[in-house]
Amino acid sequence: MTDCPFNPKQTDWMVAAAVFMMISVRIMTILVMTQTAEISGTTIEQVAVSYEANPVMKAAINLKGSTFALQFVVIPAVSIATYLLFRRRVLAGRMDSDLLSYFVQFIFFLMLLNFLNDATYLIGVTMR
C-alpha cells in the first residue's frame, strides 16, 4: 500500500462525472435514433438495430416500459454501488487505494471517450 493517505474526494468527483456522462450518452443515443428515424421514415426500433452496438441496450429497447429504468436508474446505480463498495474497502484498509484510483480513472476516461463519440455523432445528425 502507498504511504500517502487516501483522499476519497479525489475519486468521488470522477465517479460523479462518469455517471453524468453515462446518463448523457444514453440521452444522446435516444436523440440520434429519434432524429434518424424521422429523417429516414422508419421506426426507432429499426434504427436501433443498425445503430446500437451494445447488445444489452439493443435488447433493452425492445423492453419498452422498463428501458427508462434500466438505462437511467439500474445501470448508474450498479456503477455507483460498485464504486462505493471498493471505496469502503479502501477506507477500511483491506484494499490498495491505487487500485481504486486506477479503476476510477479507467471508467472516467472510458465514459469520456463514449461521451465525446456520441456527442460528435449527435452534432453530425443535427447538422443534416
Protein backbone atom coordinates (compact mmCIF):
# COMPACT_ATOMS: atom_id res chain seq x y z
CA MET A 1 0.00 0.00 0.00
CA THR A 2 1.06 3.58 -0.51
CA ASP A 3 2.40 5.82 2.26
CA CYS A 4 0.10 8.73 1.49
CA PRO A 5 -3.40 8.65 3.00
CA PHE A 6 -6.27 8.03 0.61
CA ASN A 7 -8.48 11.02 -0.07
CA PRO A 8 -11.82 9.80 -1.46
CA LYS A 9 -12.77 13.29 -2.66
CA GLN A 10 -10.20 12.92 -5.44
CA THR A 11 -12.07 9.98 -6.95
CA ASP A 12 -15.61 10.99 -5.94
CA TRP A 13 -15.79 13.80 -8.48
CA MET A 14 -14.54 11.50 -11.24
CA VAL A 15 -17.24 8.94 -10.44
CA ALA A 16 -19.91 11.66 -10.39
CA ALA A 17 -18.72 12.97 -13.75
CA ALA A 18 -18.60 9.44 -15.20
CA VAL A 19 -22.18 8.72 -14.08
CA PHE A 20 -23.30 12.07 -15.55
CA MET A 21 -21.61 11.18 -18.85
CA MET A 22 -23.14 7.68 -18.76
CA ILE A 23 -26.64 9.14 -18.49
CA SER A 24 -25.85 11.83 -21.08
CA VAL A 25 -24.66 9.19 -23.55
CA ARG A 26 -27.99 7.35 -23.27
CA ILE A 27 -29.90 10.61 -23.83
CA MET A 28 -27.76 11.44 -26.87
CA THR A 29 -28.28 7.91 -28.24
CA ILE A 30 -32.04 8.28 -27.94
CA LEU A 31 -31.93 11.69 -29.64
CA VAL A 32 -29.79 10.36 -32.50
CA MET A 33 -32.07 7.36 -33.04
CA THR A 34 -35.20 9.54 -32.92
CA GLN A 35 -33.83 12.06 -35.43
CA THR A 36 -32.53 9.32 -37.71
CA ALA A 37 -35.92 7.60 -37.62
CA GLU A 38 -37.66 10.86 -38.53
CA ILE A 39 -35.27 11.53 -41.41
CA SER A 40 -35.38 8.01 -42.82
CA GLY A 41 -39.08 7.39 -42.19
CA THR A 42 -38.51 4.20 -40.19
CA THR A 43 -39.26 3.22 -36.60
CA ILE A 44 -36.87 3.77 -33.71
CA GLU A 45 -36.59 0.01 -33.20
CA GLN A 46 -35.36 -0.46 -36.78
CA VAL A 47 -32.82 2.32 -36.35
CA ALA A 48 -31.68 0.86 -33.03
CA VAL A 49 -30.89 -2.48 -34.61
CA SER A 50 -28.48 -0.82 -37.02
CA TYR A 51 -27.18 1.96 -34.74
CA GLU A 52 -26.72 0.43 -31.29
CA ALA A 53 -23.62 -1.73 -30.92
CA ASN A 54 -24.26 -2.69 -27.29
CA PRO A 55 -26.35 -5.91 -27.29
CA VAL A 56 -27.70 -5.20 -23.79
CA MET A 57 -29.07 -1.82 -24.86
CA LYS A 58 -30.32 -3.27 -28.14
CA ALA A 59 -32.35 -5.80 -26.14
CA ALA A 60 -33.44 -3.09 -23.68
CA ILE A 61 -35.04 -1.06 -26.47
CA ASN A 62 -37.43 -3.96 -27.03
CA LEU A 63 -38.47 -3.92 -23.35
CA LYS A 64 -40.46 -0.71 -23.93
CA GLY A 65 -41.54 0.48 -20.44
CA SER A 66 -38.57 -0.78 -18.46
CA THR A 67 -35.98 0.74 -20.80
CA PHE A 68 -36.02 4.01 -18.89
CA ALA A 69 -35.47 2.28 -15.55
CA LEU A 70 -32.65 0.16 -16.94
CA GLN A 71 -30.78 2.97 -18.69
CA PHE A 72 -31.22 5.79 -16.22
CA VAL A 73 -31.60 4.06 -12.83
CA VAL A 74 -30.31 0.48 -12.69
CA ILE A 75 -27.04 0.77 -14.62
CA PRO A 76 -25.89 4.02 -12.92
CA ALA A 77 -26.94 2.60 -9.52
CA VAL A 78 -24.89 -0.56 -10.07
CA SER A 79 -21.91 1.58 -11.12
CA ILE A 80 -22.16 3.80 -8.04
CA ALA A 81 -22.66 0.79 -5.74
CA THR A 82 -19.56 -0.89 -7.15
CA TYR A 83 -17.51 2.24 -6.55
CA LEU A 84 -18.84 2.65 -3.02
CA LEU A 85 -18.05 -0.99 -2.23
CA PHE A 86 -14.45 -0.53 -3.41
CA ARG A 87 -14.20 2.81 -1.59
CA ARG A 88 -15.36 1.27 1.69
CA ARG A 89 -12.76 -1.49 1.34
CA VAL A 90 -10.02 1.08 0.73
CA LEU A 91 -11.04 3.18 3.74
CA ALA A 92 -11.09 0.03 5.89
CA GLY A 93 -7.54 -0.79 4.74
CA ARG A 94 -8.46 -4.06 3.02
CA MET A 95 -7.69 -2.84 -0.49
CA ASP A 96 -4.92 -0.78 -2.07
CA SER A 97 -6.00 2.80 -2.76
CA ASP A 98 -4.03 2.83 -6.01
CA LEU A 99 -6.22 0.06 -7.37
CA LEU A 100 -9.34 2.14 -6.72
CA SER A 101 -7.73 5.20 -8.30
CA TYR A 102 -6.78 3.25 -11.44
CA PHE A 103 -10.27 1.73 -11.63
CA VAL A 104 -11.96 5.13 -11.35
CA GLN A 105 -9.61 6.72 -13.89
CA PHE A 106 -10.24 3.90 -16.36
CA ILE A 107 -14.02 4.22 -16.01
CA PHE A 108 -13.86 8.02 -16.22
CA PHE A 109 -11.83 8.07 -19.43
CA LEU A 110 -13.93 5.27 -20.93
CA MET A 111 -17.08 7.31 -20.30
CA LEU A 112 -15.37 10.46 -21.60
CA LEU A 113 -14.47 8.66 -24.83
CA ASN A 114 -18.01 7.31 -25.19
CA PHE A 115 -19.48 10.75 -24.39
CA LEU A 116 -17.34 12.54 -26.98
CA ASN A 117 -18.09 9.86 -29.58
CA ASP A 118 -21.86 10.16 -29.13
CA ALA A 119 -21.68 13.97 -28.91
CA THR A 120 -19.91 14.22 -32.27
CA TYR A 121 -22.39 11.79 -33.79
CA LEU A 122 -25.30 13.85 -32.40
CA ILE A 123 -23.78 17.03 -33.85
CA GLY A 124 -23.43 15.29 -37.22
CA VAL A 125 -27.05 14.14 -37.19
CA THR A 126 -28.40 17.55 -36.19
CA MET A 127 -26.35 19.23 -38.94
CA ARG A 128 -28.08 17.19 -41.66
